[in-house]
Amino acid sequence: MIARFSPRQRQLLNGLLIASSVVLCLLLSPTRLPGMELLGVGPNWFLIWVVTWSLKHKVLSSVIAGLTLGLLQDSMSSSYPSHVVVLVIVGFITARLQRHIKEDLITIVLLVFILSLIAEATIALQYALMELRPIDEIWLDYQRIALSSAVLTSLWTPAFYYPLHSWWEKLQQ
């Protein structure tokens, strides 16, 4: 079906899909539907999107995607600690690992789980460096938030990964 479109139409359709998936991330981030919250923490939709993007794109493109989505996420919440740093790191790591990763769903879910833990550790480190709260409070919150976020984010990964990955596979053919 995609073969019927001209290259320009495919490019426009791809841009529309990318933009609409980012808008969906924006809309889902503050939403807490049943099954989307654990101990007051929801999935990190932007992290899922950056990982999915970075598995199919080069390092620079992945870092730019992380930067862009980090700025969007910071604009929805406070910019302290910055999500830009977190998503740039996630994009960089994923893009660097892409040739070593077998792209099956289990591997991607495990990757998202690990990157969620790294992302939350980076945010906890930012809190510690800014000295906004005592380290023992940060450590206690980190344990609860990191595990909840990693579990939920990895469980919800197929919701974004599968459709976007399938689309980009078809587009490359």
N, C-alpha and C. Protein backbone atom coordinates (compact mmCIF):
# COMPACT_ATOMS: atom_id res chain seq x y z
N MET A 1 0.82 -1.19 0.00
CA MET A 1 0.00 0.00 0.00
C MET A 1 0.86 1.26 0.00
N ILE A 2 1.95 1.24 0.76
CA ILE A 2 2.82 2.41 0.83
C ILE A 2 3.51 2.66 -0.50
N ALA A 3 3.75 1.60 -1.27
CA ALA A 3 4.44 1.72 -2.55
C ALA A 3 3.66 2.59 -3.54
N ARG A 4 2.36 2.73 -3.34
CA ARG A 4 1.55 3.54 -4.25
C ARG A 4 1.81 5.02 -4.10
N PHE A 5 2.34 5.43 -2.96
CA PHE A 5 2.60 6.84 -2.72
C PHE A 5 3.94 7.27 -3.32
N SER A 6 4.00 8.51 -3.73
CA SER A 6 5.26 9.06 -4.23
C SER A 6 6.20 9.26 -3.04
N PRO A 7 7.50 9.42 -3.31
CA PRO A 7 8.43 9.67 -2.20
C PRO A 7 8.05 10.90 -1.37
N ARG A 8 7.57 11.92 -2.03
CA ARG A 8 7.15 13.14 -1.31
C ARG A 8 5.95 12.85 -0.40
N GLN A 9 4.98 12.09 -0.90
CA GLN A 9 3.81 11.74 -0.11
C GLN A 9 4.19 10.86 1.08
N ARG A 10 5.12 9.92 0.84
CA ARG A 10 5.59 9.08 1.95
C ARG A 10 6.28 9.92 3.01
N GLN A 11 7.07 10.89 2.59
CA GLN A 11 7.78 11.76 3.52
C GLN A 11 6.78 12.58 4.35
N LEU A 12 5.75 13.11 3.69
CA LEU A 12 4.73 13.87 4.40
C LEU A 12 3.95 12.98 5.37
N LEU A 13 3.61 11.79 4.93
CA LEU A 13 2.89 10.86 5.79
C LEU A 13 3.74 10.45 6.99
N ASN A 14 5.03 10.24 6.75
CA ASN A 14 5.93 9.91 7.85
C ASN A 14 6.03 11.08 8.84
N GLY A 15 6.14 12.30 8.33
CA GLY A 15 6.18 13.47 9.21
C GLY A 15 4.90 13.61 10.01
N LEU A 16 3.77 13.34 9.39
CA LEU A 16 2.49 13.40 10.09
C LEU A 16 2.41 12.34 11.19
N LEU A 17 2.89 11.13 10.89
CA LEU A 17 2.89 10.07 11.89
C LEU A 17 3.82 10.41 13.06
N ILE A 18 4.99 10.95 12.76
CA ILE A 18 5.93 11.33 13.81
C ILE A 18 5.31 12.41 14.69
N ALA A 19 4.77 13.45 14.06
CA ALA A 19 4.17 14.55 14.83
C ALA A 19 2.99 14.07 15.67
N SER A 20 2.14 13.24 15.10
CA SER A 20 0.97 12.77 15.85
C SER A 20 1.38 11.84 16.99
N SER A 21 2.42 11.05 16.81
CA SER A 21 2.87 10.18 17.90
C SER A 21 3.50 11.00 19.03
N VAL A 22 4.17 12.09 18.69
CA VAL A 22 4.73 12.98 19.72
C VAL A 22 3.59 13.69 20.47
N VAL A 23 2.58 14.13 19.74
CA VAL A 23 1.42 14.76 20.38
C VAL A 23 0.72 13.75 21.29
N LEU A 24 0.63 12.51 20.86
CA LEU A 24 0.04 11.47 21.71
C LEU A 24 0.85 11.31 23.00
N CYS A 25 2.18 11.35 22.89
CA CYS A 25 3.03 11.30 24.10
C CYS A 25 2.72 12.48 25.01
N LEU A 26 2.56 13.66 24.41
CA LEU A 26 2.24 14.85 25.20
C LEU A 26 0.92 14.69 25.94
N LEU A 27 -0.06 14.11 25.26
CA LEU A 27 -1.38 13.94 25.86
C LEU A 27 -1.40 12.83 26.90
N LEU A 28 -0.64 11.78 26.68
CA LEU A 28 -0.64 10.65 27.61
C LEU A 28 0.17 10.92 28.88
N SER A 29 1.17 11.79 28.80
CA SER A 29 2.05 12.03 29.95
C SER A 29 1.31 12.42 31.23
N PRO A 30 0.40 13.39 31.19
CA PRO A 30 -0.29 13.73 32.44
C PRO A 30 -1.49 12.83 32.75
N THR A 31 -1.83 11.94 31.82
CA THR A 31 -3.02 11.10 31.98
C THR A 31 -2.71 9.90 32.86
N ARG A 32 -3.63 9.61 33.76
CA ARG A 32 -3.49 8.45 34.63
C ARG A 32 -4.75 7.59 34.53
N LEU A 33 -4.82 6.78 33.50
CA LEU A 33 -5.93 5.85 33.33
C LEU A 33 -5.63 4.59 34.14
N PRO A 34 -6.65 3.76 34.38
CA PRO A 34 -6.39 2.50 35.11
C PRO A 34 -5.33 1.66 34.39
N GLY A 35 -4.37 1.17 35.15
CA GLY A 35 -3.28 0.39 34.59
C GLY A 35 -2.10 1.22 34.13
N MET A 36 -2.24 2.53 34.27
CA MET A 36 -1.17 3.42 33.83
C MET A 36 -0.49 4.12 35.00
N GLU A 37 -0.69 3.59 36.20
CA GLU A 37 -0.09 4.22 37.36
C GLU A 37 0.26 3.14 38.39
N LEU A 38 1.43 3.29 38.96
CA LEU A 38 1.89 2.38 40.00
C LEU A 38 2.61 3.21 41.05
N LEU A 39 2.08 3.21 42.27
CA LEU A 39 2.64 3.99 43.37
C LEU A 39 2.77 5.48 43.01
N GLY A 40 1.78 5.97 42.28
CA GLY A 40 1.77 7.39 41.92
C GLY A 40 2.65 7.76 40.74
N VAL A 41 3.24 6.78 40.07
CA VAL A 41 4.15 7.02 38.95
C VAL A 41 3.54 6.42 37.69
N GLY A 42 3.65 7.16 36.58
CA GLY A 42 3.15 6.67 35.30
C GLY A 42 4.29 6.32 34.37
N PRO A 43 3.96 5.76 33.21
CA PRO A 43 5.00 5.41 32.23
C PRO A 43 5.65 6.66 31.65
N ASN A 44 6.88 6.51 31.25
CA ASN A 44 7.62 7.61 30.61
C ASN A 44 7.46 7.45 29.09
N TRP A 45 6.41 8.06 28.56
CA TRP A 45 6.08 7.92 27.14
C TRP A 45 7.17 8.49 26.25
N PHE A 46 7.79 9.58 26.68
CA PHE A 46 8.84 10.20 25.88
C PHE A 46 10.06 9.28 25.78
N LEU A 47 10.38 8.59 26.85
CA LEU A 47 11.49 7.65 26.82
C LEU A 47 11.21 6.52 25.82
N ILE A 48 10.00 6.00 25.85
CA ILE A 48 9.62 4.95 24.90
C ILE A 48 9.79 5.44 23.47
N TRP A 49 9.33 6.66 23.22
CA TRP A 49 9.40 7.22 21.87
C TRP A 49 10.85 7.40 21.43
N VAL A 50 11.68 7.93 22.30
CA VAL A 50 13.09 8.16 21.95
C VAL A 50 13.81 6.83 21.70
N VAL A 51 13.52 5.82 22.50
CA VAL A 51 14.13 4.50 22.27
C VAL A 51 13.69 3.95 20.92
N THR A 52 12.40 4.02 20.65
CA THR A 52 11.88 3.51 19.37
C THR A 52 12.52 4.24 18.20
N TRP A 53 12.62 5.54 18.29
CA TRP A 53 13.24 6.36 17.23
C TRP A 53 14.71 5.99 17.07
N SER A 54 15.41 5.89 18.18
CA SER A 54 16.86 5.70 18.15
C SER A 54 17.27 4.33 17.62
N LEU A 55 16.37 3.37 17.66
CA LEU A 55 16.69 2.05 17.11
C LEU A 55 16.75 2.06 15.60
N LYS A 56 16.19 3.07 14.97
CA LYS A 56 16.15 3.14 13.50
C LYS A 56 16.92 4.32 12.92
N HIS A 57 17.54 5.14 13.78
CA HIS A 57 18.20 6.35 13.30
C HIS A 57 19.61 6.48 13.85
N LYS A 58 20.36 7.38 13.28
CA LYS A 58 21.75 7.59 13.68
C LYS A 58 21.83 8.35 15.00
N VAL A 59 23.04 8.41 15.55
CA VAL A 59 23.27 9.01 16.87
C VAL A 59 22.84 10.47 16.90
N LEU A 60 23.26 11.27 15.92
CA LEU A 60 22.93 12.69 15.93
C LEU A 60 21.42 12.91 15.89
N SER A 61 20.75 12.17 15.04
CA SER A 61 19.29 12.27 14.94
C SER A 61 18.63 11.85 16.24
N SER A 62 19.16 10.85 16.89
CA SER A 62 18.61 10.37 18.16
C SER A 62 18.82 11.38 19.27
N VAL A 63 19.99 12.00 19.30
CA VAL A 63 20.27 13.03 20.31
C VAL A 63 19.35 14.24 20.09
N ILE A 64 19.14 14.62 18.84
CA ILE A 64 18.24 15.75 18.53
C ILE A 64 16.81 15.40 18.93
N ALA A 65 16.39 14.16 18.68
CA ALA A 65 15.05 13.73 19.10
C ALA A 65 14.94 13.79 20.62
N GLY A 66 15.95 13.32 21.33
CA GLY A 66 15.95 13.39 22.80
C GLY A 66 15.91 14.82 23.29
N LEU A 67 16.67 15.69 22.65
CA LEU A 67 16.69 17.11 23.00
C LEU A 67 15.31 17.74 22.80
N THR A 68 14.72 17.48 21.66
CA THR A 68 13.41 18.04 21.34
C THR A 68 12.33 17.55 22.30
N LEU A 69 12.27 16.25 22.50
CA LEU A 69 11.25 15.72 23.40
C LEU A 69 11.53 16.10 24.85
N GLY A 70 12.79 16.23 25.21
CA GLY A 70 13.13 16.70 26.55
C GLY A 70 12.65 18.12 26.78
N LEU A 71 12.82 18.97 25.77
CA LEU A 71 12.31 20.34 25.88
C LEU A 71 10.79 20.36 25.99
N LEU A 72 10.13 19.51 25.22
CA LEU A 72 8.67 19.42 25.31
C LEU A 72 8.23 18.94 26.69
N GLN A 73 8.92 17.93 27.21
CA GLN A 73 8.55 17.42 28.53
C GLN A 73 8.84 18.45 29.62
N ASP A 74 9.95 19.16 29.50
CA ASP A 74 10.26 20.21 30.47
C ASP A 74 9.25 21.35 30.39
N SER A 75 8.72 21.60 29.22
CA SER A 75 7.72 22.68 29.10
C SER A 75 6.39 22.30 29.76
N MET A 76 6.15 21.00 29.92
CA MET A 76 4.92 20.54 30.57
C MET A 76 5.07 20.46 32.08
N SER A 77 6.29 20.34 32.54
CA SER A 77 6.55 20.24 33.97
C SER A 77 7.63 21.26 34.31
N SER A 78 8.13 21.20 35.50
CA SER A 78 9.21 22.12 35.81
C SER A 78 10.47 21.65 35.10
N SER A 79 11.35 22.56 34.81
CA SER A 79 12.56 22.19 34.09
C SER A 79 13.68 21.77 35.05
N TYR A 80 13.36 21.67 36.34
CA TYR A 80 14.34 21.20 37.31
C TYR A 80 13.79 19.96 37.96
N PRO A 81 14.34 18.84 37.84
CA PRO A 81 15.51 18.51 37.04
C PRO A 81 15.13 18.42 35.57
N SER A 82 16.09 18.58 34.73
CA SER A 82 15.84 18.65 33.29
C SER A 82 15.66 17.26 32.67
N HIS A 83 14.60 17.13 31.91
CA HIS A 83 14.37 15.89 31.16
C HIS A 83 15.19 15.88 29.87
N VAL A 84 15.70 17.05 29.48
CA VAL A 84 16.52 17.14 28.28
C VAL A 84 17.74 16.24 28.43
N VAL A 85 18.42 16.38 29.55
CA VAL A 85 19.63 15.59 29.81
C VAL A 85 19.32 14.11 29.74
N VAL A 86 18.24 13.72 30.38
CA VAL A 86 17.84 12.32 30.44
C VAL A 86 17.56 11.76 29.05
N LEU A 87 16.75 12.44 28.27
CA LEU A 87 16.36 11.92 26.96
C LEU A 87 17.50 11.98 25.95
N VAL A 88 18.39 12.93 26.08
CA VAL A 88 19.58 12.97 25.22
C VAL A 88 20.46 11.75 25.52
N ILE A 89 20.64 11.44 26.79
CA ILE A 89 21.43 10.27 27.18
C ILE A 89 20.77 8.99 26.65
N VAL A 90 19.46 8.89 26.80
CA VAL A 90 18.73 7.70 26.32
C VAL A 90 18.87 7.56 24.80
N GLY A 91 18.71 8.66 24.08
CA GLY A 91 18.86 8.62 22.62
C GLY A 91 20.26 8.21 22.20
N PHE A 92 21.24 8.76 22.88
CA PHE A 92 22.64 8.46 22.56
C PHE A 92 22.95 6.98 22.82
N ILE A 93 22.60 6.50 24.00
CA ILE A 93 22.88 5.10 24.36
C ILE A 93 22.18 4.14 23.40
N THR A 94 20.92 4.40 23.13
CA THR A 94 20.15 3.49 22.26
C THR A 94 20.73 3.48 20.84
N ALA A 95 21.05 4.66 20.31
CA ALA A 95 21.59 4.72 18.95
C ALA A 95 22.95 4.03 18.86
N ARG A 96 23.75 4.16 19.90
CA ARG A 96 25.06 3.50 19.92
C ARG A 96 24.93 1.98 20.02
N LEU A 97 23.88 1.51 20.69
CA LEU A 97 23.69 0.07 20.88
C LEU A 97 22.90 -0.59 19.76
N GLN A 98 22.32 0.20 18.85
CA GLN A 98 21.36 -0.37 17.91
C GLN A 98 21.90 -1.52 17.07
N ARG A 99 23.15 -1.51 16.69
CA ARG A 99 23.66 -2.61 15.86
C ARG A 99 23.91 -3.88 16.68
N HIS A 100 23.95 -3.74 18.01
CA HIS A 100 24.17 -4.90 18.89
C HIS A 100 22.87 -5.47 19.44
N ILE A 101 21.77 -4.81 19.14
CA ILE A 101 20.47 -5.20 19.70
C ILE A 101 19.68 -5.98 18.67
N LYS A 102 19.20 -7.13 19.09
CA LYS A 102 18.28 -7.89 18.25
C LYS A 102 16.90 -7.25 18.46
N GLU A 103 16.27 -6.83 17.39
CA GLU A 103 15.03 -6.07 17.52
C GLU A 103 13.80 -6.96 17.67
N ASP A 104 13.78 -7.73 18.75
CA ASP A 104 12.56 -8.44 19.09
C ASP A 104 11.97 -7.73 20.30
N LEU A 105 10.71 -7.95 20.54
CA LEU A 105 9.99 -7.20 21.56
C LEU A 105 10.56 -7.39 22.97
N ILE A 106 10.96 -8.60 23.30
CA ILE A 106 11.51 -8.87 24.64
C ILE A 106 12.78 -8.05 24.87
N THR A 107 13.65 -8.01 23.89
CA THR A 107 14.90 -7.26 24.02
C THR A 107 14.62 -5.77 24.17
N ILE A 108 13.67 -5.26 23.41
CA ILE A 108 13.34 -3.84 23.47
C ILE A 108 12.73 -3.50 24.83
N VAL A 109 11.85 -4.35 25.32
CA VAL A 109 11.24 -4.12 26.64
C VAL A 109 12.31 -4.11 27.73
N LEU A 110 13.26 -5.04 27.66
CA LEU A 110 14.34 -5.08 28.63
C LEU A 110 15.22 -3.84 28.52
N LEU A 111 15.51 -3.41 27.29
CA LEU A 111 16.29 -2.19 27.08
C LEU A 111 15.59 -0.98 27.69
N VAL A 112 14.28 -0.86 27.47
CA VAL A 112 13.52 0.25 28.02
C VAL A 112 13.53 0.19 29.55
N PHE A 113 13.43 -0.99 30.11
CA PHE A 113 13.48 -1.15 31.57
C PHE A 113 14.80 -0.59 32.11
N ILE A 114 15.91 -1.01 31.52
CA ILE A 114 17.23 -0.57 31.97
C ILE A 114 17.41 0.93 31.76
N LEU A 115 16.99 1.43 30.60
CA LEU A 115 17.13 2.86 30.34
C LEU A 115 16.24 3.70 31.25
N SER A 116 15.10 3.17 31.66
CA SER A 116 14.26 3.87 32.63
C SER A 116 14.97 4.01 33.96
N LEU A 117 15.65 2.96 34.38
CA LEU A 117 16.42 3.03 35.62
C LEU A 117 17.54 4.06 35.50
N ILE A 118 18.22 4.08 34.35
CA ILE A 118 19.28 5.06 34.12
C ILE A 118 18.70 6.47 34.11
N ALA A 119 17.55 6.64 33.47
CA ALA A 119 16.91 7.96 33.40
C ALA A 119 16.55 8.47 34.79
N GLU A 120 15.95 7.61 35.59
CA GLU A 120 15.58 8.03 36.95
C GLU A 120 16.81 8.29 37.81
N ALA A 121 17.88 7.53 37.60
CA ALA A 121 19.14 7.78 38.33
C ALA A 121 19.71 9.14 37.94
N THR A 122 19.60 9.50 36.67
CA THR A 122 20.08 10.80 36.21
C THR A 122 19.27 11.92 36.83
N ILE A 123 17.97 11.74 36.92
CA ILE A 123 17.13 12.76 37.56
C ILE A 123 17.46 12.87 39.05
N ALA A 124 17.65 11.73 39.71
CA ALA A 124 18.02 11.75 41.13
C ALA A 124 19.37 12.44 41.33
N LEU A 125 20.29 12.20 40.43
CA LEU A 125 21.60 12.87 40.50
C LEU A 125 21.45 14.38 40.33
N GLN A 126 20.57 14.80 39.44
CA GLN A 126 20.33 16.24 39.27
C GLN A 126 19.76 16.85 40.54
N TYR A 127 18.82 16.14 41.17
CA TYR A 127 18.29 16.62 42.45
C TYR A 127 19.40 16.74 43.49
N ALA A 128 20.26 15.75 43.54
CA ALA A 128 21.35 15.76 44.53
C ALA A 128 22.32 16.90 44.25
N LEU A 129 22.64 17.14 42.99
CA LEU A 129 23.57 18.22 42.64
C LEU A 129 22.98 19.60 42.92
N MET A 130 21.67 19.72 42.77
CA MET A 130 21.02 21.02 43.03
C MET A 130 20.77 21.23 44.52
N GLU A 131 20.95 20.16 45.31
CA GLU A 131 20.78 20.22 46.76
C GLU A 131 19.41 20.77 47.16
N LEU A 132 18.38 20.35 46.44
CA LEU A 132 17.02 20.78 46.76
C LEU A 132 16.43 19.98 47.92
N ARG A 133 16.91 18.75 48.08
CA ARG A 133 16.41 17.87 49.13
C ARG A 133 17.57 17.08 49.70
N PRO A 134 17.40 16.57 50.91
CA PRO A 134 18.46 15.73 51.49
C PRO A 134 18.64 14.44 50.69
N ILE A 135 19.87 13.96 50.65
CA ILE A 135 20.21 12.77 49.87
C ILE A 135 19.41 11.55 50.31
N ASP A 136 19.17 11.39 51.60
CA ASP A 136 18.42 10.21 52.06
C ASP A 136 16.99 10.22 51.54
N GLU A 137 16.36 11.39 51.43
CA GLU A 137 15.02 11.48 50.84
C GLU A 137 15.05 11.16 49.36
N ILE A 138 16.05 11.70 48.68
CA ILE A 138 16.20 11.43 47.24
C ILE A 138 16.36 9.93 47.01
N TRP A 139 17.19 9.28 47.83
CA TRP A 139 17.44 7.85 47.68
C TRP A 139 16.17 7.03 47.89
N LEU A 140 15.39 7.37 48.91
CA LEU A 140 14.14 6.64 49.17
C LEU A 140 13.15 6.83 48.03
N ASP A 141 13.01 8.07 47.56
CA ASP A 141 12.11 8.33 46.44
C ASP A 141 12.60 7.67 45.16
N TYR A 142 13.91 7.70 44.95
CA TYR A 142 14.48 7.10 43.74
C TYR A 142 14.12 5.62 43.64
N GLN A 143 14.23 4.91 44.74
CA GLN A 143 13.93 3.47 44.72
C GLN A 143 12.49 3.21 44.29
N ARG A 144 11.57 3.94 44.86
CA ARG A 144 10.15 3.76 44.55
C ARG A 144 9.84 4.21 43.12
N ILE A 145 10.30 5.40 42.78
CA ILE A 145 10.00 5.98 41.47
C ILE A 145 10.68 5.19 40.35
N ALA A 146 11.94 4.86 40.53
CA ALA A 146 12.68 4.17 39.47
C ALA A 146 12.08 2.82 39.14
N LEU A 147 11.78 2.04 40.15
CA LEU A 147 11.23 0.72 39.90
C LEU A 147 9.82 0.81 39.30
N SER A 148 8.98 1.68 39.83
CA SER A 148 7.63 1.85 39.30
C SER A 148 7.68 2.33 37.85
N SER A 149 8.51 3.33 37.59
CA SER A 149 8.62 3.87 36.24
C SER A 149 9.16 2.83 35.27
N ALA A 150 10.19 2.10 35.68
CA ALA A 150 10.79 1.10 34.80
C ALA A 150 9.79 -0.01 34.46
N VAL A 151 9.05 -0.48 35.46
CA VAL A 151 8.07 -1.54 35.22
C VAL A 151 6.97 -1.05 34.28
N LEU A 152 6.38 0.10 34.60
CA LEU A 152 5.28 0.60 33.77
C LEU A 152 5.74 0.98 32.37
N THR A 153 6.86 1.64 32.27
CA THR A 153 7.36 2.08 30.97
C THR A 153 7.67 0.87 30.09
N SER A 154 8.30 -0.14 30.65
CA SER A 154 8.61 -1.32 29.85
C SER A 154 7.34 -2.09 29.46
N LEU A 155 6.35 -2.13 30.36
CA LEU A 155 5.10 -2.82 30.03
C LEU A 155 4.32 -2.12 28.93
N TRP A 156 4.39 -0.79 28.88
CA TRP A 156 3.66 -0.03 27.87
C TRP A 156 4.47 0.20 26.59
N THR A 157 5.70 -0.28 26.55
CA THR A 157 6.55 -0.09 25.37
C THR A 157 5.92 -0.60 24.07
N PRO A 158 5.31 -1.80 24.05
CA PRO A 158 4.73 -2.27 22.78
C PRO A 158 3.67 -1.34 22.19
N ALA A 159 3.00 -0.55 23.02
CA ALA A 159 1.96 0.35 22.51
C ALA A 159 2.53 1.38 21.54
N PHE A 160 3.76 1.80 21.74
CA PHE A 160 4.39 2.74 20.80
C PHE A 160 5.37 2.04 19.88
N TYR A 161 6.14 1.13 20.43
CA TYR A 161 7.20 0.50 19.66
C TYR A 161 6.66 -0.24 18.44
N TYR A 162 5.69 -1.10 18.65
CA TYR A 162 5.23 -1.94 17.54
C TYR A 162 4.68 -1.13 16.35
N PRO A 163 3.75 -0.18 16.55
CA PRO A 163 3.25 0.54 15.38
C PRO A 163 4.32 1.41 14.70
N LEU A 164 5.13 2.10 15.48
CA LEU A 164 6.16 2.96 14.87
C LEU A 164 7.23 2.13 14.17
N HIS A 165 7.66 1.07 14.82
CA HIS A 165 8.68 0.20 14.23
C HIS A 165 8.16 -0.42 12.93
N SER A 166 6.94 -0.91 12.96
CA SER A 166 6.35 -1.50 11.74
C SER A 166 6.26 -0.49 10.61
N TRP A 167 5.85 0.73 10.95
CA TRP A 167 5.75 1.78 9.93
C TRP A 167 7.12 2.08 9.31
N TRP A 168 8.12 2.26 10.16
CA TRP A 168 9.46 2.59 9.64
C TRP A 168 10.06 1.43 8.86
N GLU A 169 9.74 0.20 9.22
CA GLU A 169 10.18 -0.96 8.44
C GLU A 169 9.56 -0.92 7.05
N LYS A 170 8.27 -0.67 6.98
CA LYS A 170 7.58 -0.60 5.69
C LYS A 170 8.10 0.56 4.85
N LEU A 171 8.39 1.64 5.50
CA LEU A 171 8.88 2.83 4.80
C LEU A 171 10.25 2.59 4.20
N GLN A 172 11.11 1.83 4.89
CA GLN A 172 12.45 1.53 4.37
C GLN A 172 12.41 0.58 3.19
N GLN A 173 11.40 -0.28 3.13
CA GLN A 173 11.29 -1.22 2.02
C GLN A 173 10.85 -0.45 0.79
